[in-house]
C-alpha atoms as a PDB file:
ATOM      1  CA  MET A   1       0.000   0.000   0.000  1.00  0.00           C
ATOM      2  CA  ILE A   2       1.292   3.401  -0.993  1.00  0.00           C
ATOM      3  CA  LEU A   3      -0.540   6.559   0.073  1.00  0.00           C
ATOM      4  CA  HIS A   4      -1.085   9.018  -2.755  1.00  0.00           C
ATOM      5  CA  SER A   5      -3.233  11.893  -1.481  1.00  0.00           C
ATOM      6  CA  GLU A   6      -3.791  14.158   1.491  1.00  0.00           C
ATOM      7  CA  ALA A   7      -7.137  12.463   2.146  1.00  0.00           C
ATOM      8  CA  GLU A   8      -5.535   9.021   2.185  1.00  0.00           C
ATOM      9  CA  ALA A   9      -2.741  10.229   4.454  1.00  0.00           C
ATOM     10  CA  HIS A  10      -5.215  11.824   6.886  1.00  0.00           C
ATOM     11  CA  ALA A  11      -7.334   8.662   6.958  1.00  0.00           C
ATOM     12  CA  PHE A  12      -4.227   6.535   7.529  1.00  0.00           C
ATOM     13  CA  CYS A  13      -3.154   8.643  10.509  1.00  0.00           C
ATOM     14  CA  ALA A  14      -6.645   8.249  11.973  1.00  0.00           C
ATOM     15  CA  THR A  15      -6.146   4.460  12.101  1.00  0.00           C
ATOM     16  CA  LEU A  16      -3.094   4.861  14.350  1.00  0.00           C
ATOM     17  CA  THR A  17      -4.457   7.181  17.031  1.00  0.00           C
ATOM     18  CA  ASP A  18      -7.696   8.171  18.744  1.00  0.00           C
ATOM     19  CA  GLU A  19      -9.920  11.182  18.118  1.00  0.00           C
ATOM     20  CA  ALA A  20      -7.940  13.402  20.481  1.00  0.00           C
ATOM     21  CA  GLY A  21      -4.664  12.376  18.862  1.00  0.00           C
ATOM     22  CA  LEU A  22      -5.993  13.143  15.401  1.00  0.00           C
ATOM     23  CA  ALA A  23      -7.169  16.555  16.606  1.00  0.00           C
ATOM     24  CA  ARG A  24      -3.657  17.263  17.902  1.00  0.00           C
ATOM     25  CA  LEU A  25      -2.224  16.308  14.522  1.00  0.00           C
ATOM     26  CA  GLU A  26      -4.665  18.606  12.752  1.00  0.00           C
ATOM     27  CA  ARG A  27      -3.628  21.425  15.071  1.00  0.00           C
ATOM     28  CA  LEU A  28       0.032  20.599  14.470  1.00  0.00           C
ATOM     29  CA  ALA A  29      -0.487  20.863  10.716  1.00  0.00           C
ATOM     30  CA  VAL A  30      -1.845  24.402  11.181  1.00  0.00           C
ATOM     31  CA  LEU A  31       0.973  25.389  13.523  1.00  0.00           C
ATOM     32  CA  LEU A  32       3.606  24.087  11.111  1.00  0.00           C
ATOM     33  CA  VAL A  33       2.332  26.221   8.243  1.00  0.00           C
ATOM     34  CA  GLU A  34       2.108  29.273  10.501  1.00  0.00           C
ATOM     35  CA  GLU A  35       5.654  28.794  11.786  1.00  0.00           C
ATOM     36  CA  ASN A  36       6.916  28.101   8.286  1.00  0.00           C
ATOM     37  CA  ALA A  37       6.195  31.733   7.465  1.00  0.00           C
ATOM     38  CA  ARG A  38       8.713  32.711  10.173  1.00  0.00           C
ATOM     39  CA  GLN A  39      11.397  30.080   9.688  1.00  0.00           C
ATOM     40  CA  ASN A  40      12.041  27.438   7.060  1.00  0.00           C
ATOM     41  CA  LEU A  41      10.741  24.317   8.800  1.00  0.00           C
ATOM     42  CA  ILE A  42       9.543  22.524   5.664  1.00  0.00           C
ATOM     43  CA  ALA A  43       9.823  23.247   1.958  1.00  0.00           C
ATOM     44  CA  LYS A  44       7.167  25.750   0.927  1.00  0.00           C
ATOM     45  CA  ALA A  45       6.170  23.439  -1.915  1.00  0.00           C
ATOM     46  CA  SER A  46       5.322  20.680   0.592  1.00  0.00           C
ATOM     47  CA  GLU A  47       2.825  22.765   2.592  1.00  0.00           C
ATOM     48  CA  GLY A  48       0.004  21.536   0.367  1.00  0.00           C
ATOM     49  CA  ALA A  49       1.021  17.928   1.013  1.00  0.00           C
ATOM     50  CA  ILE A  50       1.778  18.217   4.704  1.00  0.00           C
ATOM     51  CA  TRP A  51      -0.193  15.103   5.676  1.00  0.00           C
ATOM     52  CA  LEU A  52       1.447  12.915   3.056  1.00  0.00           C
ATOM     53  CA  ARG A  53       4.994  14.274   3.123  1.00  0.00           C
ATOM     54  CA  HIS A  54       5.384  14.902   6.841  1.00  0.00           C
ATOM     55  CA  LEU A  55       2.614  13.675   9.180  1.00  0.00           C
ATOM     56  CA  ALA A  56       1.791  10.271   7.680  1.00  0.00           C
ATOM     57  CA  ASP A  57       5.447   9.819   6.771  1.00  0.00           C
ATOM     58  CA  SER A  58       6.236  10.084  10.493  1.00  0.00           C
ATOM     59  CA  ALA A  59       3.121   8.279  11.752  1.00  0.00           C
ATOM     60  CA  GLN A  60       3.837   5.143   9.704  1.00  0.00           C
ATOM     61  CA  LEU A  61       6.619   4.245  12.138  1.00  0.00           C
ATOM     62  CA  LEU A  62       3.951   3.405  14.713  1.00  0.00           C
ATOM     63  CA  ARG A  63       2.969   0.377  12.618  1.00  0.00           C
ATOM     64  CA  HIS A  64       6.158  -1.276  13.867  1.00  0.00           C
ATOM     65  CA  VAL A  65       5.814  -0.348  17.555  1.00  0.00           C
ATOM     66  CA  PRO A  66       3.918  -2.548  20.045  1.00  0.00           C
ATOM     67  CA  ARG A  67       0.881  -0.787  21.509  1.00  0.00           C
ATOM     68  CA  GLU A  68       2.125  -1.323  25.058  1.00  0.00           C
ATOM     69  CA  THR A  69       5.370   0.578  24.441  1.00  0.00           C
ATOM     70  CA  ALA A  70       5.740   3.428  26.943  1.00  0.00           C
ATOM     71  CA  GLY A  71       9.166   4.621  25.865  1.00  0.00           C
ATOM     72  CA  PRO A  72      11.419   6.368  26.175  1.00  0.00           C
ATOM     73  CA  TRP A  73      11.336   7.055  22.440  1.00  0.00           C
ATOM     74  CA  LEU A  74      14.499   8.893  21.422  1.00  0.00           C
ATOM     75  CA  ASP A  75      14.247  10.940  18.237  1.00  0.00           C
ATOM     76  CA  LEU A  76      17.539  12.209  16.848  1.00  0.00           C
ATOM     77  CA  GLY A  77      17.767  15.496  14.968  1.00  0.00           C
ATOM     78  CA  THR A  78      14.037  16.153  15.247  1.00  0.00           C
ATOM     79  CA  GLY A  79      14.184  19.403  13.279  1.00  0.00           C
ATOM     80  CA  ALA A  80      10.653  20.571  12.539  1.00  0.00           C
ATOM     81  CA  GLY A  81       9.257  17.703  14.619  1.00  0.00           C
ATOM     82  CA  PHE A  82       9.517  14.636  12.416  1.00  0.00           C
ATOM     83  CA  PRO A  83       8.926  12.068  13.551  1.00  0.00           C
ATOM     84  CA  GLY A  84       9.233  12.890  17.271  1.00  0.00           C
ATOM     85  CA  LEU A  85       6.614  15.604  17.657  1.00  0.00           C
ATOM     86  CA  VAL A  86       4.142  13.646  15.526  1.00  0.00           C
ATOM     87  CA  ILE A  87       4.631  10.505  17.627  1.00  0.00           C
ATOM     88  CA  ALA A  88       4.217  12.465  20.877  1.00  0.00           C
ATOM     89  CA  ALA A  89       0.984  14.001  19.584  1.00  0.00           C
ATOM     90  CA  MET A  90      -0.452  10.669  18.487  1.00  0.00           C
ATOM     91  CA  ARG A  91       0.607   8.580  21.510  1.00  0.00           C
ATOM     92  CA  PRO A  92       0.522  10.577  24.772  1.00  0.00           C
ATOM     93  CA  GLY A  93       1.349   7.373  26.655  1.00  0.00           C
ATOM     94  CA  ILE A  94       4.827   7.229  25.112  1.00  0.00           C
ATOM     95  CA  GLU A  95       7.583   9.320  26.680  1.00  0.00           C
ATOM     96  CA  CYS A  96       9.284  11.093  23.769  1.00  0.00           C
ATOM     97  CA  VAL A  97      12.728  12.709  23.947  1.00  0.00           C
ATOM     98  CA  LEU A  98      13.455  15.010  21.014  1.00  0.00           C
ATOM     99  CA  VAL A  99      17.089  15.907  20.354  1.00  0.00           C
ATOM    100  CA  GLU A 100      17.711  19.060  18.322  1.00  0.00           C
ATOM    101  CA  SER A 101      20.651  21.454  18.535  1.00  0.00           C
ATOM    102  CA  ARG A 102      19.481  24.383  16.379  1.00  0.00           C
ATOM    103  CA  ARG A 103      18.153  27.138  18.626  1.00  0.00           C
ATOM    104  CA  LYS A 104      15.204  28.265  16.496  1.00  0.00           C
ATOM    105  CA  ARG A 105      14.098  24.684  15.970  1.00  0.00           C
ATOM    106  CA  VAL A 106      14.380  24.006  19.706  1.00  0.00           C
ATOM    107  CA  GLU A 107      12.211  27.045  20.451  1.00  0.00           C
ATOM    108  CA  TRP A 108       9.646  25.864  17.904  1.00  0.00           C
ATOM    109  CA  LEU A 109       9.542  22.317  19.313  1.00  0.00           C
ATOM    110  CA  GLU A 110       9.114  23.558  22.883  1.00  0.00           C
ATOM    111  CA  ARG A 111       6.409  26.013  21.846  1.00  0.00           C
ATOM    112  CA  ALA A 112       4.535  23.447  19.765  1.00  0.00           C
ATOM    113  CA  ALA A 113       4.690  20.830  22.529  1.00  0.00           C
ATOM    114  CA  ALA A 114       3.276  23.375  24.987  1.00  0.00           C
ATOM    115  CA  MET A 115       0.490  24.465  22.632  1.00  0.00           C
ATOM    116  CA  LEU A 116      -0.473  20.845  21.989  1.00  0.00           C
ATOM    117  CA  GLY A 117      -0.365  19.980  25.690  1.00  0.00           C
ATOM    118  CA  LEU A 118       2.239  17.256  25.236  1.00  0.00           C
ATOM    119  CA  ALA A 119       3.322  16.472  28.785  1.00  0.00           C
ATOM    120  CA  ASN A 120       5.008  13.327  27.413  1.00  0.00           C
ATOM    121  CA  CYS A 121       7.409  15.327  25.239  1.00  0.00           C
ATOM    122  CA  ARG A 122      10.852  16.547  26.350  1.00  0.00           C
ATOM    123  CA  VAL A 123      13.128  18.573  24.111  1.00  0.00           C
ATOM    124  CA  GLU A 124      16.880  18.194  24.546  1.00  0.00           C
ATOM    125  CA  GLY A 125      18.220  21.392  22.993  1.00  0.00           C
ATOM    126  CA  ARG A 126      21.813  20.289  22.513  1.00  0.00           C
ATOM    127  CA  ARG A 127      23.988  18.049  20.383  1.00  0.00           C
ATOM    128  CA  LEU A 128      23.465  14.336  20.959  1.00  0.00           C
ATOM    129  CA  GLU A 129      27.026  14.022  22.287  1.00  0.00           C
ATOM    130  CA  HIS A 130      25.988  16.193  25.261  1.00  0.00           C
ATOM    131  CA  VAL A 131      22.763  14.328  26.112  1.00  0.00           C
ATOM    132  CA  GLU A 132      23.074  12.066  29.143  1.00  0.00           C
ATOM    133  CA  SER A 133      22.717   8.390  28.308  1.00  0.00           C
ATOM    134  CA  PHE A 134      19.519   6.492  29.085  1.00  0.00           C
ATOM    135  CA  PRO A 135      18.094   3.188  27.795  1.00  0.00           C
ATOM    136  CA  ALA A 136      15.709   3.953  24.915  1.00  0.00           C
ATOM    137  CA  ALA A 137      12.905   1.613  23.935  1.00  0.00           C
ATOM    138  CA  VAL A 138      12.789   3.146  20.447  1.00  0.00           C
ATOM    139  CA  ILE A 139      15.352   5.193  18.531  1.00  0.00           C
ATOM    140  CA  SER A 140      14.281   7.074  15.421  1.00  0.00           C
ATOM    141  CA  ALA A 141      15.936   9.538  13.070  1.00  0.00           C
ATOM    142  CA  ARG A 142      14.568  10.942   9.848  1.00  0.00           C
ATOM    143  CA  ALA A 143      17.526  12.943   8.526  1.00  0.00           C
ATOM    144  CA  PHE A 144      20.229  12.860  11.168  1.00  0.00           C
ATOM    145  CA  ALA A 145      23.372  11.249   9.779  1.00  0.00           C
ATOM    146  CA  PRO A 146      24.536   8.414   7.514  1.00  0.00           C
ATOM    147  CA  LEU A 147      23.558   5.093   9.073  1.00  0.00           C
ATOM    148  CA  ALA A 148      27.019   4.010  10.222  1.00  0.00           C
ATOM    149  CA  LYS A 149      27.656   7.372  11.895  1.00  0.00           C
ATOM    150  CA  LEU A 150      24.165   7.400  13.417  1.00  0.00           C
ATOM    151  CA  LEU A 151      24.764   4.029  15.064  1.00  0.00           C
ATOM    152  CA  GLU A 152      28.158   5.122  16.330  1.00  0.00           C
ATOM    153  CA  LEU A 153      26.715   8.229  17.989  1.00  0.00           C
ATOM    154  CA  SER A 154      23.596   6.656  19.460  1.00  0.00           C
ATOM    155  CA  ALA A 155      24.584   3.082  20.401  1.00  0.00           C
ATOM    156  CA  ARG A 156      25.035   4.144  24.039  1.00  0.00           C
ATOM    157  CA  PHE A 157      21.265   4.737  24.272  1.00  0.00           C
ATOM    158  CA  SER A 158      20.404   1.240  23.047  1.00  0.00           C
ATOM    159  CA  THR A 159      19.860  -2.111  24.716  1.00  0.00           C
ATOM    160  CA  ARG A 160      19.346  -5.564  23.260  1.00  0.00           C
ATOM    161  CA  ASP A 161      15.620  -4.756  23.125  1.00  0.00           C
ATOM    162  CA  THR A 162      15.825  -1.303  21.544  1.00  0.00           C
ATOM    163  CA  LEU A 163      13.788  -0.895  18.362  1.00  0.00           C
ATOM    164  CA  TRP A 164      15.429   1.195  15.632  1.00  0.00           C
ATOM    165  CA  LEU A 165      13.146   2.985  13.140  1.00  0.00           C
ATOM    166  CA  LEU A 166      15.197   4.932  10.619  1.00  0.00           C
ATOM    167  CA  PRO A 167      13.566   6.369   7.478  1.00  0.00           C
ATOM    168  CA  LYS A 168      16.366   6.494   4.929  1.00  0.00           C
ATOM    169  CA  GLY A 169      14.686   7.308   1.648  1.00  0.00           C
ATOM    170  CA  ARG A 170      16.251   5.893  -1.491  1.00  0.00           C
ATOM    171  CA  SER A 171      19.546   5.090   0.240  1.00  0.00           C
ATOM    172  CA  ALA A 172      18.119   2.602   2.767  1.00  0.00           C
ATOM    173  CA  VAL A 173      19.330  -0.658   1.221  1.00  0.00           C
ATOM    174  CA  GLN A 174      22.689   0.805   0.263  1.00  0.00           C
ATOM    175  CA  GLU A 175      23.329   2.159   3.758  1.00  0.00           C
ATOM    176  CA  VAL A 176      22.534  -1.178   5.426  1.00  0.00           C
ATOM    177  CA  SER A 177      24.748  -3.074   2.995  1.00  0.00           C
ATOM    178  CA  GLY A 178      27.564  -0.653   3.792  1.00  0.00           C
ATOM    179  CA  LEU A 179      27.620  -1.595   7.487  1.00  0.00           C
ATOM    180  CA  ARG A 180      29.941  -4.161   9.041  1.00  0.00           C
ATOM    181  CA  PRO A 181      28.372  -7.647   8.662  1.00  0.00           C
ATOM    182  CA  ASP A 182      27.542  -7.943  12.383  1.00  0.00           C
ATOM    183  CA  ALA A 183      25.734  -4.580  12.371  1.00  0.00           C
ATOM    184  CA  ALA A 184      24.044  -5.169   9.023  1.00  0.00           C
ATOM    185  CA  ALA A 185      22.590  -8.427  10.356  1.00  0.00           C
ATOM    186  CA  MET A 186      20.559  -6.417  12.904  1.00  0.00           C
ATOM    187  CA  PHE A 187      18.596  -4.555  10.259  1.00  0.00           C
ATOM    188  CA  HIS A 188      16.231  -4.987   7.358  1.00  0.00           C
ATOM    189  CA  VAL A 189      14.518  -2.506   5.060  1.00  0.00           C
ATOM    190  CA  GLU A 190      10.771  -2.097   4.665  1.00  0.00           C
ATOM    191  CA  GLN A 191       8.882  -0.091   2.076  1.00  0.00           C
ATOM    192  CA  SER A 192       7.753   3.413   3.019  1.00  0.00           C
ATOM    193  CA  LEU A 193       4.011   3.946   2.668  1.00  0.00           C
ATOM    194  CA  THR A 194       4.449   7.544   1.531  1.00  0.00           C
ATOM    195  CA  ASP A 195       7.098   7.154  -1.189  1.00  0.00           C
ATOM    196  CA  ALA A 196       7.366   4.189  -3.549  1.00  0.00           C
ATOM    197  CA  ASP A 197      11.120   4.729  -3.856  1.00  0.00           C
ATOM    198  CA  ALA A 198      11.875   5.098  -0.139  1.00  0.00           C
ATOM    199  CA  GLY A 199      12.686   2.593   2.580  1.00  0.00           C
ATOM    200  CA  ILE A 200      12.725   2.435   6.380  1.00  0.00           C
ATOM    201  CA  VAL A 201      15.646   0.733   8.122  1.00  0.00           C
ATOM    202  CA  ILE A 202      14.285  -1.364  11.003  1.00  0.00           C
ATOM    203  CA  GLY A 203      16.140  -3.405  13.572  1.00  0.00           C
ATOM    204  CA  THR A 204      16.340  -4.515  17.193  1.00  0.00           C
ATOM    205  CA  GLY A 205      19.344  -4.680  19.451  1.00  0.00           C
ATOM    206  CA  ARG A 206      22.538  -2.894  20.419  1.00  0.00           C
ATOM    207  CA  PRO A 207      25.201  -2.352  17.767  1.00  0.00           C
ATOM    208  CA  ILE A 208      28.630  -3.633  18.747  1.00  0.00           C
ATOM    209  CA  SER A 209      31.072  -0.727  18.926  1.00  0.00           C
END
């Protein structure tokens, strides 16, 4: 299944959250466009496809997460809020830690979380190297670093049970195949539901440093 329209993307998101969660997403969509007039959060051309390109693209990660998961969910390089802010809005029962070092993005994430009433969302406004280690149930990153570097920087947050959800676009298969054999064996690639040419790198465990 590949989503093709805003209506399909909106309906898909509705299957992964409750009515209150969907309302928060709808509010987030409005806030994103408003903030985009002040700082470049998303490409202007993607504002008309915000559900498909950004919200559903983030929400699809929840298909791979057990319902009972409470977190912490660590999102690396959250930027405009993808996927971390979307996940926090859809699943208030999951503790979400959003790592972002750019000051204006940090201010936006904190403001958006407050306006959406996301008590489960914590923004770490610093580089990942300066965030204190903790065991994460889920680690995600949409556009943080090449896969090998990402694993090197974030392995200290993982355990043998940590779930990795890493949208990697067209480079997904290539990046996994470029890992050391022991690390590559942890991961597989699944098709993105929002882009026929994109993949999501998925795995469980702790990479060996």
